[in-house]
Every structure is written in C-alpha cells, then in structure tokens.
C-alpha cells in the first residue's frame, strides 16, 4: 500500500495541503515523531521484513522532509503537480528504494541534505554556461 512519511511540518496549513494532495491519490500520510527517527524507513512504511530497532539514535533535524513509498509513476507525478499548484515546496523528498529502506530517517535526511546542497552548488555554474551559449 502506498504511503508517505511526513517530517517536521510545523505549519498546520502546509501539512493540511500535503495531506489533501495525498488523500486525493488514496495515499496515507503518517507524521513521524522525533522518537521514531532511528527506526528503519521500511519499518515506518510497514514494509515486510523490517522490524523496529531498540537503539535510539541521537540527534534530529528540523527540515521538512517527505518520503514516499509504493506510489506508481502517475501517482508520483500527480502528487508533485498538486504540491506545486498548492505552492508547497518541500526541498527534501525521497522515494523508498531497496537501498534506503533499511536506513533510519536520520541517515536518509543526511543523504538528502548532502544531495540538495550539491545540486544547489552546481546551479550557478550551469546558469553561467547557459548564458555563455546565448551570447
């Protein structure tokens, strides 16, 4: 069953917009509590073969993060379009894969943050290249 994990949506209106976009697609949304951040993503998504861990990792994060599990391609596209129309920008988004299902939310967040920073770092150079070609 398709689901979405929601992290740190402190603004009730934003959370409602995300939940509504998910609801329209028949996708359940689950707010992840801070004490669950060390649990495997697969466990939080109720995937078969994942169980809770006893250790509680230290740390946390305050960024909003959206983790999607089991959505079809058309569902994913529809969700992203709906969020854009609602003007809800969530910088950190991920789809659960075979590789990251065993990661904790903390690990996934760190990986997404690094990827996001790397992408932001390359954009100005790309813009310079594009403008140089136009001259």
N, C-alpha and C. Protein backbone atom coordinates (compact mmCIF):
# COMPACT_ATOMS: atom_id res chain seq x y z
N UNK A 1 0.84 -1.19 0.00
CA UNK A 1 0.00 0.00 0.00
C UNK A 1 0.88 1.25 0.00
N UNK A 2 0.49 2.21 -0.78
CA UNK A 2 1.27 3.45 -0.87
C UNK A 2 1.11 4.27 0.41
N UNK A 3 2.22 4.89 0.81
CA UNK A 3 2.17 5.75 1.99
C UNK A 3 3.21 6.85 1.86
N UNK A 4 3.07 7.83 2.72
CA UNK A 4 4.02 8.94 2.76
C UNK A 4 4.39 9.19 4.21
N UNK A 5 5.67 9.42 4.44
CA UNK A 5 6.15 9.78 5.77
C UNK A 5 6.38 11.29 5.77
N UNK A 6 5.83 11.97 6.78
CA UNK A 6 5.89 13.42 6.86
C UNK A 6 6.71 13.81 8.08
N UNK A 7 7.69 14.67 7.85
CA UNK A 7 8.59 15.09 8.92
C UNK A 7 8.57 16.61 9.07
N UNK A 8 8.39 17.05 10.29
CA UNK A 8 8.58 18.46 10.68
C UNK A 8 7.69 19.46 9.94
N UNK A 9 6.48 19.08 9.62
CA UNK A 9 5.53 20.04 9.05
C UNK A 9 4.87 20.76 10.21
N UNK A 10 5.48 21.85 10.63
CA UNK A 10 5.01 22.58 11.81
C UNK A 10 3.87 23.54 11.48
N UNK A 11 3.79 24.00 10.23
CA UNK A 11 2.72 24.87 9.80
C UNK A 11 1.50 24.02 9.45
N UNK A 12 0.42 24.19 10.20
CA UNK A 12 -0.78 23.36 10.03
C UNK A 12 -1.36 23.49 8.63
N UNK A 13 -1.32 24.67 8.05
CA UNK A 13 -1.89 24.87 6.70
C UNK A 13 -1.08 24.10 5.66
N UNK A 14 0.24 24.11 5.79
CA UNK A 14 1.09 23.35 4.86
C UNK A 14 0.84 21.85 5.01
N UNK A 15 0.76 21.40 6.24
CA UNK A 15 0.51 19.98 6.49
C UNK A 15 -0.84 19.57 5.89
N UNK A 16 -1.83 20.42 6.04
CA UNK A 16 -3.16 20.12 5.51
C UNK A 16 -3.12 20.02 3.98
N UNK A 17 -2.37 20.91 3.33
CA UNK A 17 -2.25 20.86 1.87
C UNK A 17 -1.58 19.58 1.41
N UNK A 18 -0.54 19.16 2.12
CA UNK A 18 0.16 17.92 1.76
C UNK A 18 -0.77 16.73 1.98
N UNK A 19 -1.44 16.70 3.12
CA UNK A 19 -2.36 15.59 3.40
C UNK A 19 -3.49 15.52 2.38
N UNK A 20 -4.00 16.68 1.96
CA UNK A 20 -5.07 16.70 0.97
C UNK A 20 -4.59 16.17 -0.37
N UNK A 21 -3.38 16.57 -0.78
CA UNK A 21 -2.82 16.08 -2.04
C UNK A 21 -2.66 14.55 -1.98
N UNK A 22 -2.22 14.03 -0.84
CA UNK A 22 -2.08 12.59 -0.67
C UNK A 22 -3.45 11.91 -0.68
N UNK A 23 -4.40 12.49 0.03
CA UNK A 23 -5.75 11.94 0.13
C UNK A 23 -6.39 11.78 -1.25
N UNK A 24 -6.22 12.79 -2.11
CA UNK A 24 -6.80 12.73 -3.45
C UNK A 24 -6.28 11.54 -4.25
N UNK A 25 -5.10 11.08 -3.90
CA UNK A 25 -4.49 9.94 -4.60
C UNK A 25 -4.69 8.62 -3.87
N UNK A 26 -5.37 8.67 -2.72
CA UNK A 26 -5.58 7.46 -1.94
C UNK A 26 -4.34 7.00 -1.22
N UNK A 27 -3.45 7.94 -0.90
CA UNK A 27 -2.19 7.61 -0.23
C UNK A 27 -2.28 8.06 1.22
N UNK A 28 -1.93 7.18 2.13
CA UNK A 28 -1.97 7.55 3.54
C UNK A 28 -0.72 8.34 3.92
N UNK A 29 -0.92 9.34 4.74
CA UNK A 29 0.19 10.15 5.22
C UNK A 29 0.40 9.91 6.70
N UNK A 30 1.64 9.72 7.10
CA UNK A 30 1.96 9.43 8.50
C UNK A 30 3.00 10.42 8.99
N UNK A 31 2.65 11.15 10.04
CA UNK A 31 3.61 12.07 10.65
C UNK A 31 4.56 11.25 11.52
N UNK A 32 5.85 11.41 11.29
CA UNK A 32 6.86 10.67 12.03
C UNK A 32 7.27 11.49 13.24
N UNK A 33 7.18 10.87 14.41
CA UNK A 33 7.54 11.53 15.67
C UNK A 33 9.05 11.54 15.85
N UNK A 34 9.58 12.53 16.58
CA UNK A 34 11.03 12.61 16.80
C UNK A 34 11.64 11.34 17.39
N UNK A 35 10.90 10.65 18.24
CA UNK A 35 11.44 9.44 18.86
C UNK A 35 11.50 8.26 17.88
N UNK A 36 10.96 8.42 16.68
CA UNK A 36 10.98 7.35 15.67
C UNK A 36 12.09 7.54 14.63
N UNK A 37 12.90 8.56 14.77
CA UNK A 37 13.88 8.89 13.74
C UNK A 37 14.96 7.83 13.54
N UNK A 38 15.19 6.99 14.53
CA UNK A 38 16.22 5.95 14.39
C UNK A 38 15.65 4.64 13.81
N UNK A 39 14.35 4.58 13.62
CA UNK A 39 13.73 3.37 13.07
C UNK A 39 13.98 3.28 11.57
N UNK A 40 14.09 2.06 11.04
CA UNK A 40 14.27 1.91 9.59
C UNK A 40 13.08 2.47 8.82
N UNK A 41 13.37 3.11 7.70
CA UNK A 41 12.31 3.65 6.84
C UNK A 41 11.32 2.55 6.47
N UNK A 42 11.83 1.37 6.14
CA UNK A 42 10.97 0.26 5.77
C UNK A 42 9.99 -0.12 6.87
N UNK A 43 10.44 -0.06 8.11
CA UNK A 43 9.56 -0.33 9.24
C UNK A 43 8.48 0.75 9.35
N UNK A 44 8.88 2.01 9.21
CA UNK A 44 7.92 3.11 9.31
C UNK A 44 6.86 3.03 8.21
N UNK A 45 7.23 2.44 7.08
CA UNK A 45 6.29 2.29 5.95
C UNK A 45 5.55 0.94 5.99
N UNK A 46 5.74 0.18 7.06
CA UNK A 46 5.10 -1.14 7.20
C UNK A 46 5.48 -2.11 6.07
N UNK A 47 6.73 -2.03 5.62
CA UNK A 47 7.18 -2.97 4.60
C UNK A 47 7.54 -4.30 5.24
N UNK A 48 7.28 -5.35 4.52
CA UNK A 48 7.57 -6.69 5.01
C UNK A 48 9.08 -6.87 5.19
N UNK A 49 9.46 -7.53 6.28
CA UNK A 49 10.87 -7.83 6.52
C UNK A 49 11.59 -6.79 7.36
N UNK A 50 10.89 -5.76 7.80
CA UNK A 50 11.52 -4.72 8.63
C UNK A 50 10.89 -4.71 10.01
N UNK A 51 11.73 -4.61 11.00
CA UNK A 51 11.25 -4.57 12.37
C UNK A 51 11.90 -3.40 13.09
N UNK A 52 11.32 -3.00 14.21
CA UNK A 52 11.88 -1.85 14.94
C UNK A 52 13.25 -2.18 15.53
N UNK A 53 14.05 -1.15 15.70
CA UNK A 53 15.34 -1.30 16.36
C UNK A 53 15.19 -0.77 17.78
N UNK A 54 15.97 -1.31 18.67
CA UNK A 54 15.88 -0.89 20.07
C UNK A 54 16.69 0.35 20.35
N UNK A 55 17.77 0.52 19.60
CA UNK A 55 18.63 1.67 19.85
C UNK A 55 17.92 2.95 19.42
N UNK A 56 18.13 3.99 20.18
CA UNK A 56 17.59 5.28 19.79
C UNK A 56 18.76 6.17 19.43
N UNK A 57 18.76 6.59 18.20
CA UNK A 57 19.84 7.44 17.72
C UNK A 57 19.74 8.83 18.32
N UNK A 58 20.87 9.43 18.49
CA UNK A 58 20.86 10.80 19.00
C UNK A 58 20.77 11.75 17.83
N UNK A 59 20.19 12.89 18.09
CA UNK A 59 20.10 13.91 17.06
C UNK A 59 18.72 13.97 16.47
N UNK A 60 18.59 14.87 15.57
CA UNK A 60 17.33 15.09 14.90
C UNK A 60 17.56 16.12 13.82
N UNK A 61 16.50 16.60 13.24
CA UNK A 61 16.60 17.64 12.23
C UNK A 61 15.30 18.43 12.23
N UNK A 62 15.38 19.64 11.73
CA UNK A 62 14.19 20.50 11.74
C UNK A 62 13.64 20.72 10.34
N UNK A 63 14.35 20.25 9.31
CA UNK A 63 13.88 20.42 7.93
C UNK A 63 12.61 19.62 7.69
N UNK A 64 11.74 20.16 6.85
CA UNK A 64 10.62 19.35 6.39
C UNK A 64 11.17 18.30 5.44
N UNK A 65 10.61 17.10 5.52
CA UNK A 65 11.04 16.03 4.63
C UNK A 65 9.82 15.18 4.30
N UNK A 66 9.75 14.74 3.05
CA UNK A 66 8.64 13.93 2.57
C UNK A 66 9.23 12.66 1.96
N UNK A 67 8.84 11.51 2.49
CA UNK A 67 9.33 10.23 2.00
C UNK A 67 8.14 9.45 1.46
N UNK A 68 8.23 9.03 0.21
CA UNK A 68 7.12 8.38 -0.47
C UNK A 68 7.43 6.91 -0.72
N UNK A 69 6.45 6.07 -0.48
CA UNK A 69 6.64 4.63 -0.61
C UNK A 69 5.49 4.01 -1.38
N UNK A 70 5.81 3.26 -2.41
CA UNK A 70 4.81 2.48 -3.13
C UNK A 70 3.94 3.25 -4.10
N UNK A 71 4.28 4.48 -4.42
CA UNK A 71 3.49 5.24 -5.39
C UNK A 71 3.88 4.81 -6.80
N UNK A 72 2.91 4.74 -7.69
CA UNK A 72 3.18 4.47 -9.09
C UNK A 72 3.75 5.75 -9.72
N UNK A 73 4.29 5.63 -10.90
CA UNK A 73 4.80 6.80 -11.61
C UNK A 73 3.74 7.89 -11.78
N UNK A 74 2.54 7.51 -12.27
CA UNK A 74 1.49 8.52 -12.42
C UNK A 74 1.06 9.15 -11.09
N UNK A 75 1.02 8.35 -10.02
CA UNK A 75 0.67 8.90 -8.70
C UNK A 75 1.73 9.90 -8.25
N UNK A 76 2.98 9.54 -8.43
CA UNK A 76 4.07 10.43 -8.03
C UNK A 76 4.00 11.74 -8.80
N UNK A 77 3.80 11.66 -10.11
CA UNK A 77 3.69 12.88 -10.92
C UNK A 77 2.50 13.72 -10.49
N UNK A 78 1.37 13.08 -10.23
CA UNK A 78 0.18 13.80 -9.81
C UNK A 78 0.40 14.48 -8.46
N UNK A 79 1.07 13.80 -7.55
CA UNK A 79 1.34 14.38 -6.23
C UNK A 79 2.24 15.61 -6.36
N UNK A 80 3.31 15.47 -7.11
CA UNK A 80 4.25 16.59 -7.26
C UNK A 80 3.56 17.78 -7.95
N UNK A 81 2.72 17.51 -8.93
CA UNK A 81 1.97 18.58 -9.59
C UNK A 81 1.02 19.26 -8.62
N UNK A 82 0.34 18.46 -7.83
CA UNK A 82 -0.61 19.01 -6.85
C UNK A 82 0.11 19.88 -5.82
N UNK A 83 1.26 19.45 -5.36
CA UNK A 83 2.02 20.24 -4.40
C UNK A 83 2.50 21.55 -5.02
N UNK A 84 2.92 21.48 -6.29
CA UNK A 84 3.34 22.72 -6.97
C UNK A 84 2.18 23.69 -7.09
N UNK A 85 1.01 23.17 -7.50
CA UNK A 85 -0.19 24.03 -7.62
C UNK A 85 -0.56 24.65 -6.29
N UNK A 86 -0.35 23.91 -5.20
CA UNK A 86 -0.67 24.41 -3.85
C UNK A 86 0.43 25.30 -3.29
N UNK A 87 1.50 25.44 -4.06
CA UNK A 87 2.66 26.25 -3.65
C UNK A 87 3.31 25.71 -2.37
N UNK A 88 3.33 24.39 -2.26
CA UNK A 88 4.00 23.74 -1.14
C UNK A 88 5.31 23.17 -1.67
N UNK A 89 6.40 23.83 -1.31
CA UNK A 89 7.72 23.39 -1.73
C UNK A 89 8.36 22.64 -0.56
N UNK A 90 8.68 21.39 -0.78
CA UNK A 90 9.39 20.58 0.21
C UNK A 90 10.73 20.24 -0.43
N UNK A 91 11.78 20.83 0.09
CA UNK A 91 13.10 20.66 -0.52
C UNK A 91 13.60 19.23 -0.43
N UNK A 92 13.33 18.56 0.68
CA UNK A 92 13.85 17.21 0.87
C UNK A 92 12.75 16.18 0.64
N UNK A 93 12.84 15.51 -0.52
CA UNK A 93 11.87 14.49 -0.88
C UNK A 93 12.64 13.24 -1.30
N UNK A 94 12.07 12.09 -1.00
CA UNK A 94 12.70 10.84 -1.41
C UNK A 94 11.64 9.79 -1.68
N UNK A 95 12.00 8.83 -2.49
CA UNK A 95 11.18 7.65 -2.73
C UNK A 95 11.91 6.49 -2.06
N UNK A 96 11.16 5.64 -1.37
CA UNK A 96 11.77 4.48 -0.71
C UNK A 96 12.23 3.50 -1.77
N UNK A 97 13.49 3.09 -1.64
CA UNK A 97 14.08 2.12 -2.56
C UNK A 97 14.57 0.91 -1.76
N UNK A 98 15.00 -0.10 -2.49
CA UNK A 98 15.57 -1.28 -1.85
C UNK A 98 16.79 -0.88 -1.00
N UNK A 99 17.55 0.09 -1.50
CA UNK A 99 18.76 0.52 -0.80
C UNK A 99 18.47 1.33 0.45
N UNK A 100 17.55 2.29 0.38
CA UNK A 100 17.35 3.19 1.52
C UNK A 100 16.29 2.72 2.51
N UNK A 101 15.59 1.64 2.23
CA UNK A 101 14.55 1.16 3.14
C UNK A 101 15.11 0.75 4.50
N UNK A 102 16.36 0.33 4.53
CA UNK A 102 16.99 -0.09 5.79
C UNK A 102 17.60 1.08 6.55
N UNK A 103 17.67 2.25 5.93
CA UNK A 103 18.24 3.42 6.59
C UNK A 103 17.28 3.99 7.62
N UNK A 104 17.83 4.68 8.58
CA UNK A 104 16.99 5.43 9.52
C UNK A 104 16.61 6.75 8.86
N UNK A 105 15.64 7.42 9.43
CA UNK A 105 15.24 8.74 8.93
C UNK A 105 16.41 9.71 9.01
N UNK A 106 17.22 9.57 10.05
CA UNK A 106 18.38 10.45 10.21
C UNK A 106 19.38 10.24 9.07
N UNK A 107 19.64 8.98 8.71
CA UNK A 107 20.56 8.69 7.62
C UNK A 107 20.01 9.23 6.30
N UNK A 108 18.72 8.99 6.06
CA UNK A 108 18.12 9.46 4.82
C UNK A 108 18.16 10.98 4.75
N UNK A 109 17.85 11.64 5.85
CA UNK A 109 17.89 13.10 5.89
C UNK A 109 19.29 13.60 5.55
N UNK A 110 20.31 13.01 6.15
CA UNK A 110 21.68 13.45 5.90
C UNK A 110 22.05 13.29 4.43
N UNK A 111 21.66 12.17 3.84
CA UNK A 111 21.95 11.93 2.43
C UNK A 111 21.22 12.94 1.54
N UNK A 112 19.94 13.17 1.82
CA UNK A 112 19.18 14.14 1.03
C UNK A 112 19.74 15.54 1.17
N UNK A 113 20.14 15.90 2.38
CA UNK A 113 20.71 17.23 2.62
C UNK A 113 21.99 17.41 1.79
N UNK A 114 22.84 16.38 1.78
CA UNK A 114 24.08 16.45 1.00
C UNK A 114 23.78 16.58 -0.49
N UNK A 115 22.83 15.80 -0.99
CA UNK A 115 22.45 15.87 -2.40
C UNK A 115 21.87 17.24 -2.73
N UNK A 116 21.03 17.75 -1.84
CA UNK A 116 20.40 19.06 -2.06
C UNK A 116 21.46 20.15 -2.12
N UNK A 117 22.42 20.11 -1.20
CA UNK A 117 23.49 21.11 -1.18
C UNK A 117 24.35 21.00 -2.44
N UNK A 118 24.62 19.77 -2.87
CA UNK A 118 25.42 19.57 -4.08
C UNK A 118 24.69 20.12 -5.31
N UNK A 119 23.38 19.89 -5.38
CA UNK A 119 22.60 20.40 -6.50
C UNK A 119 22.56 21.93 -6.50
N UNK A 120 22.39 22.51 -5.34
CA UNK A 120 22.36 23.97 -5.24
C UNK A 120 23.71 24.55 -5.63
N UNK A 121 24.78 23.86 -5.31
CA UNK A 121 26.12 24.33 -5.62
C UNK A 121 26.43 24.31 -7.10
N UNK A 122 25.79 23.42 -7.88
CA UNK A 122 26.09 23.33 -9.31
C UNK A 122 25.22 24.27 -10.13
N UNK A 123 24.14 24.71 -9.61
CA UNK A 123 23.22 25.52 -10.41
C UNK A 123 23.81 26.84 -10.91
N UNK A 124 24.53 27.61 -10.10
CA UNK A 124 25.07 28.86 -10.63
C UNK A 124 26.02 28.62 -11.81
N UNK A 125 26.84 27.59 -11.74
CA UNK A 125 27.76 27.28 -12.83
C UNK A 125 26.97 26.91 -14.08
N UNK A 126 25.92 26.11 -13.91
CA UNK A 126 25.10 25.74 -15.05
C UNK A 126 24.47 26.97 -15.68
N UNK A 127 24.03 27.90 -14.86
CA UNK A 127 23.42 29.13 -15.36
C UNK A 127 24.43 29.93 -16.16
N UNK A 128 25.68 29.98 -15.68
CA UNK A 128 26.73 30.70 -16.41
C UNK A 128 26.97 30.05 -17.76
N UNK A 129 26.99 28.72 -17.80
CA UNK A 129 27.20 28.02 -19.07
C UNK A 129 26.07 28.32 -20.05
N UNK A 130 24.84 28.30 -19.55
CA UNK A 130 23.70 28.56 -20.42
C UNK A 130 23.76 29.98 -20.97
N UNK A 131 24.07 30.96 -20.10
CA UNK A 131 24.10 32.34 -20.57
C UNK A 131 25.28 32.56 -21.52
N UNK A 132 26.39 31.84 -21.34
CA UNK A 132 27.54 31.98 -22.23
C UNK A 132 27.20 31.47 -23.62
N UNK A 133 26.37 30.44 -23.71
CA UNK A 133 25.98 29.90 -25.01
C UNK A 133 25.04 30.85 -25.75
N UNK A 134 24.32 31.65 -25.02
CA UNK A 134 23.34 32.55 -25.64
C UNK A 134 24.00 33.80 -26.21
N UNK A 135 25.22 34.11 -25.79
CA UNK A 135 25.87 35.34 -26.25
C UNK A 135 26.33 35.24 -27.67
